């Protein structure tokens, strides 16, 4: 019976070792992918001076990003994003279609793009986004998993290309380790409004979760000017406290799952060694000694018989 249990434990050890190898090699690649059920809403608030009045006023912005699961696959995820910037006039909708004079609407727009689920870099294949979608470059709405302290290309829709997001510092937000990145542009030619060209400047700071690459917080000081120097928009905007708190909570939960995946090979390996040792003990321990005893008994009997025969 002991031998049977021992060999069963050998089989369990083999299974656990196989599981450990899979957990180390295969599982992380499956887990470290942008989830296909992404549906996030980001809210921002700040101040802006907007033509025609040029007077500063409180503003609010909302951006909703939803994954198109049907258009996505194992490697690429497709997103539809809606964003809206409005004067903050108190209670009211997040956005309005009313763009007449006196409306609180400043800008609004939609975007469709695709990214690699592992690297987070833009993918422009028509099979995902269609022929009418604007081509994107670099990172668009998140950083890759396991962010590094380096410069990343980050999409800026106003200049229509990727710009440098430069690493600045290792910081912490509500107990969550983050990396701080800075995007800085000055007087870049751009389409500053629908059909209107001008100059665009921005100082955008991003705080990125080191594990998942999620944008935890963001602040931006942006200026848009006509070619003659007239300021069309002078904007300061950042994530609301509620948005930052929700991002931190979500990132901590995701990092806990990733940590479990990282620890799984070690735990499974230790369990495999325990099962292997226990199996060896039950299968082989105590089998050698009895054989020696049996040989000793036989030799004594033979010795006695031999002496009697004499």
Protein backbone atom coordinates (compact mmCIF):
# COMPACT_ATOMS: atom_id res chain seq x y z
CA UNK A 1 0.00 0.00 0.00
CA UNK A 2 2.82 2.37 0.90
CA UNK A 3 4.50 1.72 -2.43
CA UNK A 4 1.26 2.43 -4.27
CA UNK A 5 0.82 5.77 -2.50
CA UNK A 6 4.48 6.54 -3.18
CA UNK A 7 4.13 6.01 -6.92
CA UNK A 8 0.94 8.10 -6.91
CA UNK A 9 2.96 10.91 -5.32
CA UNK A 10 5.59 10.49 -8.07
CA UNK A 11 2.86 11.10 -10.62
CA UNK A 12 1.63 14.14 -8.68
CA UNK A 13 5.19 15.52 -8.57
CA UNK A 14 5.45 15.19 -12.34
CA UNK A 15 2.14 16.95 -12.81
CA UNK A 16 3.16 19.79 -10.49
CA UNK A 17 6.51 20.22 -12.24
CA UNK A 18 4.75 20.42 -15.61
CA UNK A 19 2.31 22.96 -14.20
CA UNK A 20 5.24 24.99 -12.81
CA UNK A 21 6.92 25.12 -16.21
CA UNK A 22 3.66 26.17 -17.89
CA UNK A 23 3.06 28.82 -15.22
CA UNK A 24 6.55 30.18 -15.85
CA UNK A 25 6.61 30.07 -19.65
CA UNK A 26 3.05 30.07 -21.03
CA UNK A 27 0.71 31.67 -18.49
CA UNK A 28 2.41 35.12 -18.18
CA UNK A 29 2.10 35.62 -21.93
CA UNK A 30 -1.61 34.90 -21.71
CA UNK A 31 -2.22 37.10 -18.67
CA UNK A 32 -0.15 40.11 -19.75
CA UNK A 33 -2.52 41.13 -22.50
CA UNK A 34 -4.97 44.02 -22.64
CA UNK A 35 -8.38 42.56 -21.66
CA UNK A 36 -11.03 42.45 -24.37
CA UNK A 37 -13.74 43.69 -22.01
CA UNK A 38 -12.13 47.11 -21.51
CA UNK A 39 -14.73 49.82 -20.91
CA UNK A 40 -13.33 52.83 -19.09
CA UNK A 41 -14.49 56.38 -18.46
CA UNK A 42 -11.98 59.07 -17.53
CA UNK A 43 -13.00 62.44 -16.12
CA UNK A 44 -10.84 65.54 -16.02
CA UNK A 45 -11.27 69.05 -14.70
CA UNK A 46 -9.39 72.34 -14.86
CA UNK A 47 -9.34 75.84 -16.30
CA UNK A 48 -9.43 77.13 -19.87
CA UNK A 49 -9.47 80.41 -21.74
CA UNK A 50 -11.38 80.01 -25.01
CA UNK A 51 -12.22 82.35 -27.86
CA UNK A 52 -14.23 84.46 -28.48
CA UNK A 53 -14.30 85.84 -24.93
CA UNK A 54 -10.75 84.83 -24.00
CA UNK A 55 -11.78 84.76 -20.35
CA UNK A 56 -10.75 81.88 -18.16
CA UNK A 57 -13.45 79.57 -16.86
CA UNK A 58 -13.73 76.14 -15.24
CA UNK A 59 -13.88 73.26 -17.69
CA UNK A 60 -14.57 69.55 -17.50
CA UNK A 61 -13.73 66.76 -19.86
CA UNK A 62 -14.80 63.16 -20.26
CA UNK A 63 -13.27 60.38 -22.31
CA UNK A 64 -14.82 56.96 -22.73
CA UNK A 65 -12.87 54.11 -24.28
CA UNK A 66 -14.61 50.85 -25.19
CA UNK A 67 -13.05 47.74 -26.70
CA UNK A 68 -14.68 46.26 -29.79
CA UNK A 69 -14.48 42.59 -28.87
CA UNK A 70 -15.83 41.34 -32.19
CA UNK A 71 -13.16 43.18 -34.18
CA UNK A 72 -10.36 42.16 -31.79
CA UNK A 73 -8.49 38.86 -31.53
CA UNK A 74 -5.81 37.16 -29.44
CA UNK A 75 -3.10 39.60 -30.54
CA UNK A 76 -4.82 42.89 -31.36
CA UNK A 77 -7.50 44.88 -29.56
CA UNK A 78 -9.69 47.51 -31.24
CA UNK A 79 -10.95 50.58 -29.38
CA UNK A 80 -13.58 53.24 -29.96
CA UNK A 81 -13.03 56.44 -28.00
CA UNK A 82 -15.32 59.42 -27.47
CA UNK A 83 -13.99 62.59 -25.83
CA UNK A 84 -15.64 65.88 -24.95
CA UNK A 85 -14.41 69.15 -23.40
CA UNK A 86 -17.00 71.57 -22.03
CA UNK A 87 -17.18 74.67 -19.90
CA UNK A 88 -18.19 73.59 -16.43
CA UNK A 89 -21.50 75.36 -15.84
CA UNK A 90 -22.50 73.18 -12.90
CA UNK A 91 -25.04 70.41 -13.13
CA UNK A 92 -25.51 69.17 -16.65
CA UNK A 93 -24.62 66.45 -19.16
CA UNK A 94 -21.08 65.27 -19.81
CA UNK A 95 -21.38 66.54 -23.38
CA UNK A 96 -23.76 68.21 -25.80
CA UNK A 97 -24.23 68.28 -29.56
CA UNK A 98 -25.14 71.97 -29.40
CA UNK A 99 -22.23 73.91 -30.88
CA UNK A 100 -24.08 77.20 -31.33
CA UNK A 101 -22.83 80.48 -29.84
CA UNK A 102 -23.13 80.41 -26.06
CA UNK A 103 -23.00 76.63 -25.86
CA UNK A 104 -20.68 75.22 -23.17
CA UNK A 105 -19.19 72.81 -25.73
CA UNK A 106 -15.50 73.48 -26.49
CA UNK A 107 -14.46 70.41 -28.50
CA UNK A 108 -15.72 66.86 -29.05
CA UNK A 109 -14.61 63.99 -31.20
CA UNK A 110 -14.36 60.25 -31.75
CA UNK A 111 -11.47 58.00 -32.61
CA UNK A 112 -11.09 54.37 -33.65
CA UNK A 113 -7.73 52.66 -33.28
CA UNK A 114 -6.14 49.29 -32.58
CA UNK A 115 -3.16 48.29 -30.45
CA UNK A 116 -1.07 45.20 -29.83
CA UNK A 117 -2.43 43.52 -26.70
CA UNK A 118 1.08 42.85 -25.37
CA UNK A 119 3.20 45.84 -26.42
CA UNK A 120 0.34 48.42 -26.47
CA UNK A 121 1.77 49.84 -29.73
CA UNK A 122 -0.61 51.02 -32.44
CA UNK A 123 -1.72 48.62 -35.18
CA UNK A 124 -3.03 50.14 -38.41
CA UNK A 125 -4.22 47.11 -40.38
CA UNK A 126 -7.49 47.84 -42.16
CA UNK A 127 -8.84 44.46 -41.15
CA UNK A 128 -9.10 45.84 -37.61
CA UNK A 129 -9.92 49.56 -37.95
CA UNK A 130 -11.20 49.87 -41.51
CA UNK A 131 -9.94 52.06 -44.35
CA UNK A 132 -11.32 55.34 -43.00
CA UNK A 133 -9.56 55.29 -39.62
CA UNK A 134 -6.69 57.69 -39.02
CA UNK A 135 -3.32 55.89 -38.79
CA UNK A 136 -1.79 55.98 -35.30
CA UNK A 137 1.77 55.62 -34.06
CA UNK A 138 3.36 54.53 -30.79
CA UNK A 139 1.40 54.03 -27.60
CA UNK A 140 -2.14 55.35 -27.65
CA UNK A 141 -4.09 54.75 -24.44
CA UNK A 142 -1.73 52.80 -22.17
CA UNK A 143 1.88 51.73 -21.71
CA UNK A 144 3.10 48.12 -22.02
CA UNK A 145 3.18 45.72 -19.09
CA UNK A 146 6.33 45.96 -16.95
CA UNK A 147 7.07 49.58 -17.85
CA UNK A 148 10.76 50.52 -18.05
CA UNK A 149 12.56 53.74 -17.12
CA UNK A 150 13.04 54.90 -20.69
CA UNK A 151 11.53 57.10 -23.39
CA UNK A 152 8.41 55.78 -25.15
CA UNK A 153 6.69 56.96 -28.36
CA UNK A 154 3.22 58.29 -27.43
CA UNK A 155 0.47 59.24 -29.85
CA UNK A 156 -0.58 62.90 -30.10
CA UNK A 157 -3.62 63.37 -32.30
CA UNK A 158 -3.11 67.12 -32.81
CA UNK A 159 0.28 66.74 -34.47
CA UNK A 160 -0.70 63.41 -36.01
CA UNK A 161 2.36 61.45 -34.91
CA UNK A 162 4.04 59.85 -31.93
CA UNK A 163 6.01 62.15 -29.63
CA UNK A 164 8.52 61.37 -26.90
CA UNK A 165 7.22 60.48 -23.45
CA UNK A 166 10.41 60.82 -21.38
CA UNK A 167 10.90 59.08 -18.05
CA UNK A 168 11.22 61.56 -15.17
CA UNK A 169 10.98 59.85 -11.80
CA UNK A 170 9.94 56.86 -9.72
CA UNK A 171 7.00 57.95 -7.55
CA UNK A 172 4.00 56.62 -5.63
CA UNK A 173 0.28 57.42 -5.66
CA UNK A 174 -1.80 56.15 -2.72
CA UNK A 175 0.65 53.31 -2.12
CA UNK A 176 0.89 52.34 -5.81
CA UNK A 177 4.38 52.52 -7.40
CA UNK A 178 4.24 54.61 -10.58
CA UNK A 179 6.62 56.03 -13.14
CA UNK A 180 6.35 59.69 -14.09
CA UNK A 181 6.71 60.59 -17.78
CA UNK A 182 6.76 64.00 -19.47
CA UNK A 183 5.69 65.04 -22.98
CA UNK A 184 6.85 68.52 -23.97
CA UNK A 185 6.07 70.25 -27.28
CA UNK A 186 6.49 73.93 -28.18
CA UNK A 187 4.92 75.73 -31.16
CA UNK A 188 4.30 72.59 -33.19
CA UNK A 189 2.34 73.11 -36.45
CA UNK A 190 -1.01 71.41 -36.00
CA UNK A 191 -4.70 71.46 -36.83
CA UNK A 192 -5.79 73.25 -33.67
CA UNK A 193 -9.50 73.05 -34.51
CA UNK A 194 -11.66 71.62 -37.29
CA UNK A 195 -9.97 72.80 -40.49
CA UNK A 196 -7.96 75.51 -38.71
CA UNK A 197 -4.17 75.34 -38.67
CA UNK A 198 -1.96 76.94 -36.09
CA UNK A 199 0.61 76.28 -33.41
CA UNK A 200 0.32 73.84 -30.56
CA UNK A 201 2.26 73.62 -27.30
CA UNK A 202 1.82 71.20 -24.44
CA UNK A 203 3.39 70.04 -21.19
CA UNK A 204 1.73 66.72 -20.39
CA UNK A 205 2.69 64.64 -17.35
CA UNK A 206 1.67 60.99 -17.12
CA UNK A 207 1.87 58.77 -14.05
CA UNK A 208 1.99 55.13 -15.17
CA UNK A 209 1.46 51.97 -13.13
CA UNK A 210 4.72 50.06 -13.35
CA UNK A 211 3.11 46.63 -13.60
CA UNK A 212 0.13 47.01 -15.94
CA UNK A 213 1.09 50.14 -17.88
CA UNK A 214 -2.24 51.76 -16.96
CA UNK A 215 -2.38 55.58 -16.90
CA UNK A 216 -3.13 56.37 -13.26
CA UNK A 217 -3.01 60.17 -13.38
CA UNK A 218 -2.45 62.85 -15.98
CA UNK A 219 -2.08 66.62 -16.02
CA UNK A 220 -1.63 68.91 -19.00
CA UNK A 221 -0.99 72.55 -19.75
CA UNK A 222 -1.92 73.15 -23.40
CA UNK A 223 -1.94 76.22 -25.63
CA UNK A 224 -3.34 76.48 -29.14
CA UNK A 225 -2.65 79.59 -31.22
CA UNK A 226 -3.46 80.85 -34.68
CA UNK A 227 -0.55 81.50 -37.02
CA UNK A 228 -0.76 85.22 -36.15
CA UNK A 229 -0.20 84.44 -32.45
CA UNK A 230 -3.82 84.77 -31.31
CA UNK A 231 -4.53 82.30 -28.50
CA UNK A 232 -7.50 80.11 -29.32
CA UNK A 233 -7.27 77.84 -26.29
CA UNK A 234 -5.24 78.05 -23.08
CA UNK A 235 -6.00 74.93 -21.10
CA UNK A 236 -4.96 73.32 -17.82
CA UNK A 237 -6.54 69.94 -17.24
CA UNK A 238 -5.97 66.92 -15.01
CA UNK A 239 -7.67 63.72 -13.89
CA UNK A 240 -10.24 64.20 -11.15
CA UNK A 241 -9.51 62.77 -7.70
CA UNK A 242 -12.28 60.21 -8.20
CA UNK A 243 -10.75 59.02 -11.47
CA UNK A 244 -7.28 58.69 -9.91
CA UNK A 245 -8.68 56.75 -6.92
CA UNK A 246 -10.55 54.36 -9.23
CA UNK A 247 -7.44 53.86 -11.38
CA UNK A 248 -5.31 53.07 -8.32
CA UNK A 249 -7.81 50.52 -7.04
CA UNK A 250 -8.07 48.84 -10.44
CA UNK A 251 -4.28 48.73 -10.88
CA UNK A 252 -3.72 47.26 -7.42
CA UNK A 253 -6.22 44.47 -8.16
CA UNK A 254 -4.58 43.72 -11.52
CA UNK A 255 -1.10 43.74 -10.00
CA UNK A 256 -2.23 41.31 -7.30
CA UNK A 257 -3.29 38.87 -10.03
CA UNK A 258 0.01 39.34 -11.86
CA UNK A 259 1.92 38.77 -8.62
CA UNK A 260 0.04 35.52 -8.11
CA UNK A 261 1.05 34.42 -11.61
CA UNK A 262 4.71 35.29 -10.87
CA UNK A 263 4.67 33.30 -7.61
CA UNK A 264 2.85 30.29 -9.05
CA UNK A 265 5.96 28.57 -10.56
CA UNK A 266 7.79 28.78 -7.21
CA UNK A 267 4.83 27.44 -5.22
CA UNK A 268 4.19 24.63 -7.69
CA UNK A 269 7.89 23.76 -7.80
CA UNK A 270 8.11 23.50 -4.01
CA UNK A 271 4.99 21.34 -3.88
CA UNK A 272 6.47 19.11 -6.59
CA UNK A 273 9.65 18.61 -4.55
CA UNK A 274 7.63 17.78 -1.44
CA UNK A 275 5.53 15.24 -3.37
CA UNK A 276 8.71 13.75 -4.89
CA UNK A 277 10.39 13.38 -1.49
CA UNK A 278 7.28 11.92 0.13
CA UNK A 279 6.84 9.51 -2.79
CA UNK A 280 10.45 8.34 -2.54
CA UNK A 281 10.10 7.76 1.19
CA UNK A 282 6.91 5.73 0.89
CA UNK A 283 8.03 3.75 -2.14
CA UNK A 284 11.56 2.82 -1.06
CA UNK A 285 12.10 3.51 2.63
CA UNK A 286 12.20 0.33 4.77
CA UNK A 287 12.72 -2.05 1.85
CA UNK A 288 16.48 -2.48 2.12
CA UNK A 289 16.76 -3.28 5.85
CA UNK A 290 14.36 -6.26 5.84
CA UNK A 291 16.30 -7.87 3.01
CA UNK A 292 19.45 -7.68 5.10
CA UNK A 293 17.62 -9.30 8.03
CA UNK A 294 16.31 -12.00 5.78
CA UNK A 295 19.82 -12.73 4.51
CA UNK A 296 21.10 -12.83 8.08
CA UNK A 297 18.36 -15.33 9.17
CA UNK A 298 19.03 -17.60 6.27
CA UNK A 299 22.74 -17.69 6.94
CA UNK A 300 22.15 -18.62 10.60
CA UNK A 301 19.81 -21.48 9.65
CA UNK A 302 22.32 -22.76 7.17
CA UNK A 303 25.04 -22.53 9.80
CA UNK A 304 22.98 -24.51 12.35
CA UNK A 305 22.12 -27.23 9.81
CA UNK A 306 25.69 -27.46 8.81
CA UNK A 307 26.88 -27.91 12.39
CA UNK A 308 24.26 -30.65 13.06
CA UNK A 309 25.34 -32.48 10.00
CA UNK A 310 28.81 -32.62 11.39
